PDB file of N, CA and C in Angstrom:
ATOM      1  N   MET A   1      -7.442 -19.498  11.733  1.00  0.00           N
ATOM      2  CA  MET A   1      -7.275 -20.385  10.861  1.00  0.00           C
ATOM      3  C   MET A   1      -9.028 -20.676  10.233  1.00  0.00           C
ATOM      4  N   GLU A   2      -8.936 -20.846   8.887  1.00  0.00           N
ATOM      5  CA  GLU A   2      -9.514 -20.945   7.999  1.00  0.00           C
ATOM      6  C   GLU A   2      -9.879 -22.625   7.533  1.00  0.00           C
ATOM      7  N   THR A   3     -11.090 -23.431   8.002  1.00  0.00           N
ATOM      8  CA  THR A   3     -10.929 -24.354   7.264  1.00  0.00           C
ATOM      9  C   THR A   3     -11.439 -24.667   6.093  1.00  0.00           C
ATOM     10  N   VAL A   4     -11.489 -25.267   4.462  1.00  0.00           N
ATOM     11  CA  VAL A   4     -11.858 -25.424   3.407  1.00  0.00           C
ATOM     12  C   VAL A   4     -12.252 -27.361   3.302  1.00  0.00           C
ATOM     13  N   THR A   5     -13.400 -27.461   2.586  1.00  0.00           N
ATOM     14  CA  THR A   5     -13.468 -28.568   1.903  1.00  0.00           C
ATOM     15  C   THR A   5     -13.094 -28.886   0.563  1.00  0.00           C
ATOM     16  N   VAL A   6     -12.105 -29.970  -0.370  1.00  0.00           N
ATOM     17  CA  VAL A   6     -12.321 -30.506  -1.279  1.00  0.00           C
ATOM     18  C   VAL A   6     -13.736 -30.735  -1.809  1.00  0.00           C
ATOM     19  N   SER A   7     -13.903 -30.759  -3.065  1.00  0.00           N
ATOM     20  CA  SER A   7     -15.049 -30.783  -3.638  1.00  0.00           C
ATOM     21  C   SER A   7     -14.839 -32.356  -4.405  1.00  0.00           C
ATOM     22  N   PRO A   8     -15.997 -32.735  -4.584  1.00  0.00           N
ATOM     23  CA  PRO A   8     -15.164 -33.816  -5.441  1.00  0.00           C
ATOM     24  C   PRO A   8     -14.808 -33.328  -6.997  1.00  0.00           C
ATOM     25  N   LYS A   9     -14.996 -32.362  -7.220  1.00  0.00           N
ATOM     26  CA  LYS A   9     -14.297 -31.977  -8.481  1.00  0.00           C
ATOM     27  C   LYS A   9     -12.869 -31.234  -8.304  1.00  0.00           C
ATOM     28  N   PHE A  10     -12.594 -31.458  -6.842  1.00  0.00           N
ATOM     29  CA  PHE A  10     -11.011 -31.424  -6.339  1.00  0.00           C
ATOM     30  C   PHE A  10     -11.124 -29.577  -6.119  1.00  0.00           C
ATOM     31  N   GLN A  11     -11.784 -29.155  -6.435  1.00  0.00           N
ATOM     32  CA  GLN A  11     -12.035 -27.435  -6.235  1.00  0.00           C
ATOM     33  C   GLN A  11     -12.422 -26.737  -4.668  1.00  0.00           C
ATOM     34  N   VAL A  12     -11.830 -25.977  -4.201  1.00  0.00           N
ATOM     35  CA  VAL A  12     -12.331 -25.089  -3.091  1.00  0.00           C
ATOM     36  C   VAL A  12     -12.506 -23.719  -3.315  1.00  0.00           C
ATOM     37  N   VAL A  13     -13.053 -22.900  -2.057  1.00  0.00           N
ATOM     38  CA  VAL A  13     -13.647 -22.048  -2.423  1.00  0.00           C
ATOM     39  C   VAL A  13     -12.367 -21.303  -1.156  1.00  0.00           C
ATOM     40  N   ILE A  14     -11.964 -20.151  -1.456  1.00  0.00           N
ATOM     41  CA  ILE A  14     -11.544 -19.309  -0.580  1.00  0.00           C
ATOM     42  C   ILE A  14     -12.077 -18.599   0.223  1.00  0.00           C
ATOM     43  N   PRO A  15     -11.637 -18.716   1.808  1.00  0.00           N
ATOM     44  CA  PRO A  15     -12.519 -18.013   2.340  1.00  0.00           C
ATOM     45  C   PRO A  15     -13.026 -15.983   2.102  1.00  0.00           C
ATOM     46  N   LEU A  16     -13.466 -15.881   2.342  1.00  0.00           N
ATOM     47  CA  LEU A  16     -14.139 -14.079   2.099  1.00  0.00           C
ATOM     48  C   LEU A  16     -13.076 -13.579   2.844  1.00  0.00           C
ATOM     49  N   SER A  17     -12.719 -13.713   4.244  1.00  0.00           N
ATOM     50  CA  SER A  17     -11.604 -13.244   4.293  1.00  0.00           C
ATOM     51  C   SER A  17     -10.331 -12.722   4.246  1.00  0.00           C
ATOM     52  N   ILE A  18      -9.835 -13.941   3.719  1.00  0.00           N
ATOM     53  CA  ILE A  18      -8.400 -14.029   2.821  1.00  0.00           C
ATOM     54  C   ILE A  18      -8.720 -13.434   1.595  1.00  0.00           C
ATOM     55  N   ARG A  19      -9.840 -13.399   0.734  1.00  0.00           N
ATOM     56  CA  ARG A  19     -10.088 -12.763  -0.587  1.00  0.00           C
ATOM     57  C   ARG A  19     -10.513 -11.465  -0.335  1.00  0.00           C
ATOM     58  N   LYS A  20     -10.656 -10.938   1.056  1.00  0.00           N
ATOM     59  CA  LYS A  20     -10.410  -9.343   1.057  1.00  0.00           C
ATOM     60  C   LYS A  20      -9.402  -8.740   1.229  1.00  0.00           C
ATOM     61  N   GLU A  21      -8.401  -9.949   2.133  1.00  0.00           N
ATOM     62  CA  GLU A  21      -7.226  -9.677   2.402  1.00  0.00           C
ATOM     63  C   GLU A  21      -6.392  -9.404   1.128  1.00  0.00           C
ATOM     64  N   LEU A  22      -6.352 -10.289   0.708  1.00  0.00           N
ATOM     65  CA  LEU A  22      -5.519 -10.723  -0.668  1.00  0.00           C
ATOM     66  C   LEU A  22      -6.059  -9.673  -2.275  1.00  0.00           C
ATOM     67  N   ASP A  23      -6.998  -9.018  -1.500  1.00  0.00           N
ATOM     68  CA  ASP A  23      -7.844  -8.577  -2.765  1.00  0.00           C
ATOM     69  C   ASP A  23      -8.155  -9.275  -3.764  1.00  0.00           C
ATOM     70  N   LEU A  24      -8.964 -10.307  -3.584  1.00  0.00           N
ATOM     71  CA  LEU A  24      -8.306 -11.197  -4.891  1.00  0.00           C
ATOM     72  C   LEU A  24      -9.823 -11.104  -5.465  1.00  0.00           C
ATOM     73  N   GLN A  25     -10.107 -10.866  -6.489  1.00  0.00           N
ATOM     74  CA  GLN A  25     -11.114 -11.031  -7.442  1.00  0.00           C
ATOM     75  C   GLN A  25     -11.099 -12.192  -8.698  1.00  0.00           C
ATOM     76  N   PRO A  26     -12.799 -12.287  -9.329  1.00  0.00           N
ATOM     77  CA  PRO A  26     -13.023 -13.537  -9.859  1.00  0.00           C
ATOM     78  C   PRO A  26     -11.837 -13.062 -11.050  1.00  0.00           C
ATOM     79  N   GLY A  27     -11.101 -14.037 -11.369  1.00  0.00           N
ATOM     80  CA  GLY A  27     -10.875 -14.493 -12.807  1.00  0.00           C
ATOM     81  C   GLY A  27      -8.650 -14.054 -12.554  1.00  0.00           C
ATOM     82  N   THR A  28      -8.660 -13.848 -11.014  1.00  0.00           N
ATOM     83  CA  THR A  28      -7.192 -13.642 -10.377  1.00  0.00           C
ATOM     84  C   THR A  28      -6.566 -15.161 -10.957  1.00  0.00           C
ATOM     85  N   LYS A  29      -5.617 -15.348 -11.281  1.00  0.00           N
ATOM     86  CA  LYS A  29      -4.421 -16.234 -11.408  1.00  0.00           C
ATOM     87  C   LYS A  29      -3.648 -16.589 -10.097  1.00  0.00           C
ATOM     88  N   LEU A  30      -3.595 -18.029 -10.073  1.00  0.00           N
ATOM     89  CA  LEU A  30      -2.600 -18.028  -8.315  1.00  0.00           C
ATOM     90  C   LEU A  30      -2.004 -19.152  -9.091  1.00  0.00           C
ATOM     91  N   HIS A  31      -0.631 -19.089  -8.749  1.00  0.00           N
ATOM     92  CA  HIS A  31       0.537 -19.970  -8.575  1.00  0.00           C
ATOM     93  C   HIS A  31       0.301 -20.815  -7.549  1.00  0.00           C
ATOM     94  N   VAL A  32       0.357 -22.196  -8.263  1.00  0.00           N
ATOM     95  CA  VAL A  32      -0.119 -23.421  -6.934  1.00  0.00           C
ATOM     96  C   VAL A  32       1.641 -24.374  -6.787  1.00  0.00           C
ATOM     97  N   PHE A  33       1.621 -23.948  -5.126  1.00  0.00           N
ATOM     98  CA  PHE A  33       3.179 -24.996  -4.945  1.00  0.00           C
ATOM     99  C   PHE A  33       2.651 -26.272  -3.958  1.00  0.00           C
ATOM    100  N   ARG A  34       3.695 -27.140  -4.257  1.00  0.00           N
ATOM    101  CA  ARG A  34       3.997 -28.301  -3.219  1.00  0.00           C
ATOM    102  C   ARG A  34       4.719 -28.259  -2.691  1.00  0.00           C
ATOM    103  N   HIS A  35       4.628 -28.158  -1.198  1.00  0.00           N
ATOM    104  CA  HIS A  35       5.464 -27.891  -0.520  1.00  0.00           C
ATOM    105  C   HIS A  35       5.421 -28.644   0.856  1.00  0.00           C
ATOM    106  N   ASP A  36       5.968 -30.249   0.650  1.00  0.00           N
ATOM    107  CA  ASP A  36       6.216 -30.826   1.799  1.00  0.00           C
ATOM    108  C   ASP A  36       4.868 -31.778   2.030  1.00  0.00           C
ATOM    109  N   ASP A  37       4.110 -31.523   2.463  1.00  0.00           N
ATOM    110  CA  ASP A  37       2.744 -32.487   3.153  1.00  0.00           C
ATOM    111  C   ASP A  37       1.662 -31.255   2.531  1.00  0.00           C
ATOM    112  N   ARG A  38       1.942 -29.925   1.891  1.00  0.00           N
ATOM    113  CA  ARG A  38       0.747 -29.102   2.192  1.00  0.00           C
ATOM    114  C   ARG A  38       0.907 -28.035   0.763  1.00  0.00           C
ATOM    115  N   VAL A  39      -0.541 -27.370   0.332  1.00  0.00           N
ATOM    116  CA  VAL A  39      -0.271 -27.020  -0.846  1.00  0.00           C
ATOM    117  C   VAL A  39      -0.679 -25.406  -0.951  1.00  0.00           C
ATOM    118  N   GLU A  40       0.368 -24.623  -1.174  1.00  0.00           N
ATOM    119  CA  GLU A  40       0.396 -22.796  -1.412  1.00  0.00           C
ATOM    120  C   GLU A  40      -0.277 -22.734  -2.265  1.00  0.00           C
ATOM    121  N   PHE A  41      -1.041 -21.067  -2.416  1.00  0.00           N
ATOM    122  CA  PHE A  41      -1.604 -20.596  -3.580  1.00  0.00           C
ATOM    123  C   PHE A  41      -0.719 -19.290  -3.544  1.00  0.00           C
ATOM    124  N   MET A  42      -0.405 -18.863  -4.410  1.00  0.00           N
ATOM    125  CA  MET A  42       0.348 -17.655  -4.320  1.00  0.00           C
ATOM    126  C   MET A  42      -0.254 -16.670  -5.481  1.00  0.00           C
ATOM    127  N   PRO A  43      -1.108 -15.413  -5.511  1.00  0.00           N
ATOM    128  CA  PRO A  43      -1.750 -14.481  -6.385  1.00  0.00           C
ATOM    129  C   PRO A  43      -0.328 -14.225  -7.132  1.00  0.00           C
ATOM    130  N   ILE A  44      -0.907 -14.282  -8.346  1.00  0.00           N
ATOM    131  CA  ILE A  44       0.230 -13.722  -9.535  1.00  0.00           C
ATOM    132  C   ILE A  44      -0.050 -12.157  -9.632  1.00  0.00           C
ATOM    133  N   ARG A  45       1.027 -11.610  -9.625  1.00  0.00           N
ATOM    134  CA  ARG A  45       0.526  -9.875  -9.546  1.00  0.00           C
ATOM    135  C   ARG A  45       1.814  -9.414 -10.634  1.00  0.00           C
ATOM    136  N   ARG A  46       0.829  -8.815 -11.512  1.00  0.00           N
ATOM    137  CA  ARG A  46       1.839  -8.126 -12.672  1.00  0.00           C
ATOM    138  C   ARG A  46       2.621  -7.145 -12.254  1.00  0.00           C
ATOM    139  N   THR A  47       3.743  -7.222 -12.597  1.00  0.00           N
ATOM    140  CA  THR A  47       4.881  -6.399 -12.225  1.00  0.00           C
ATOM    141  C   THR A  47       4.522  -4.818 -11.899  1.00  0.00           C
ATOM    142  N   LYS A  48       3.286  -4.300 -13.187  1.00  0.00           N
ATOM    143  CA  LYS A  48       3.075  -2.883 -13.220  1.00  0.00           C
ATOM    144  C   LYS A  48       2.243  -2.651 -11.519  1.00  0.00           C
ATOM    145  N   GLY A  49       1.554  -3.534 -11.339  1.00  0.00           N
ATOM    146  CA  GLY A  49       0.951  -3.305  -9.732  1.00  0.00           C
ATOM    147  C   GLY A  49       1.555  -3.302  -8.730  1.00  0.00           C
ATOM    148  N   MET A  50       2.895  -4.148  -8.849  1.00  0.00           N
ATOM    149  CA  MET A  50       3.682  -4.376  -7.572  1.00  0.00           C
ATOM    150  C   MET A  50       4.655  -2.810  -7.988  1.00  0.00           C
ATOM    151  N   ARG A  51       4.470  -2.045  -8.328  1.00  0.00           N
ATOM    152  CA  ARG A  51       5.091  -0.711  -8.151  1.00  0.00           C
ATOM    153  C   ARG A  51       4.922  -0.286  -6.920  1.00  0.00           C
ATOM    154  N   GLY A  52       6.348   0.316  -6.132  1.00  0.00           N
ATOM    155  CA  GLY A  52       6.379   0.606  -4.827  1.00  0.00           C
ATOM    156  C   GLY A  52       5.865   0.161  -3.659  1.00  0.00           C
ATOM    157  N   PHE A  53       5.686  -1.198  -4.098  1.00  0.00           N
ATOM    158  CA  PHE A  53       5.351  -1.982  -2.613  1.00  0.00           C
ATOM    159  C   PHE A  53       6.668  -1.911  -2.002  1.00  0.00           C
ATOM    160  N   LEU A  54       7.893  -1.887  -1.989  1.00  0.00           N
ATOM    161  CA  LEU A  54       9.263  -1.863  -1.629  1.00  0.00           C
ATOM    162  C   LEU A  54       9.391  -0.647  -0.666  1.00  0.00           C
ATOM    163  N   LYS A  55       8.073   0.344  -0.849  1.00  0.00           N
ATOM    164  CA  LYS A  55       8.415   1.925  -0.663  1.00  0.00           C
ATOM    165  C   LYS A  55       8.962   1.552   1.023  1.00  0.00           C
ATOM    166  N   GLY A  56       9.990   2.857   1.566  1.00  0.00           N
ATOM    167  CA  GLY A  56       9.984   2.916   3.153  1.00  0.00           C
ATOM    168  C   GLY A  56      10.634   1.071   3.554  1.00  0.00           C
ATOM    169  N   ILE A  57      10.839   0.718   2.590  1.00  0.00           N
ATOM    170  CA  ILE A  57      11.649  -0.519   3.053  1.00  0.00           C
ATOM    171  C   ILE A  57      13.199   0.126   3.541  1.00  0.00           C
ATOM    172  N   ASP A  58      14.106  -0.504   4.984  1.00  0.00           N
ATOM    173  CA  ASP A  58      15.008  -0.146   5.532  1.00  0.00           C
ATOM    174  C   ASP A  58      16.417  -0.573   4.364  1.00  0.00           C
ATOM    175  N   THR A  59      16.951   0.027   3.757  1.00  0.00           N
ATOM    176  CA  THR A  59      18.190  -0.244   2.853  1.00  0.00           C
ATOM    177  C   THR A  59      19.386   0.418   3.360  1.00  0.00           C
ATOM    178  N   SER A  60      19.790   0.733   4.605  1.00  0.00           N
ATOM    179  CA  SER A  60      20.637   0.822   5.313  1.00  0.00           C
ATOM    180  C   SER A  60      21.308  -0.687   6.121  1.00  0.00           C
ATOM    181  N   ILE A  61      22.351  -1.232   5.236  1.00  0.00           N
ATOM    182  CA  ILE A  61      22.621  -2.448   5.582  1.00  0.00           C
ATOM    183  C   ILE A  61      24.289  -2.291   6.139  1.00  0.00           C
ATOM    184  N   GLU A  62      24.955  -2.954   6.684  1.00  0.00           N
ATOM    185  CA  GLU A  62      26.376  -2.746   6.923  1.00  0.00           C
ATOM    186  C   GLU A  62      27.298  -3.640   5.737  1.00  0.00           C
ATOM    187  N   ARG A  63      27.959  -2.916   5.271  1.00  0.00           N
ATOM    188  CA  ARG A  63      28.381  -3.502   3.565  1.00  0.00           C
ATOM    189  C   ARG A  63      30.265  -3.770   4.288  1.00  0.00           C
ATOM    190  N   GLU A  64      30.900  -4.967   3.497  1.00  0.00           N
ATOM    191  CA  GLU A  64      32.289  -4.843   3.980  1.00  0.00           C
ATOM    192  C   GLU A  64      32.745  -4.223   3.002  1.00  0.00           C
ATOM    193  N   ASP A  65      33.961  -3.829   3.258  1.00  0.00           N
ATOM    194  CA  ASP A  65      34.928  -2.543   2.586  1.00  0.00           C
ATOM    195  C   ASP A  65      35.190  -2.511   1.300  1.00  0.00           C
ATOM    196  N   ASP A  66      35.098  -3.915   1.016  1.00  0.00           N
ATOM    197  CA  ASP A  66      35.594  -4.159  -0.141  1.00  0.00           C
ATOM    198  C   ASP A  66      34.114  -4.083  -1.629  1.00  0.00           C
ATOM    199  N   ARG A  67      32.850  -3.790  -1.002  1.00  0.00           N
ATOM    200  CA  ARG A  67      32.112  -3.589  -1.862  1.00  0.00           C
ATOM    201  C   ARG A  67      31.496  -1.963  -1.718  1.00  0.00           C
ATOM    202  N   LEU A  68      30.755  -1.769  -2.694  1.00  0.00           N
ATOM    203  CA  LEU A  68      30.410  -0.297  -2.791  1.00  0.00           C
ATOM    204  C   LEU A  68      28.861   0.362  -2.164  1.00  0.00           C
TER     205      LEU A  68
END
């Protein structure tokens, strides 16, 4: 787990390991959420950039008889 410090201007630096894992680049926009007592950041991805991210997902699920 990484630890960061909030600056006097309320800025934080995202640790290098996380920036690499999420492929964050300068100018990347992030959604900011408050969830109970924590803050979460989620990169905003363009729909075009998400193409194929579900490739290989298992879609074989049991369906009820009245469903197609």
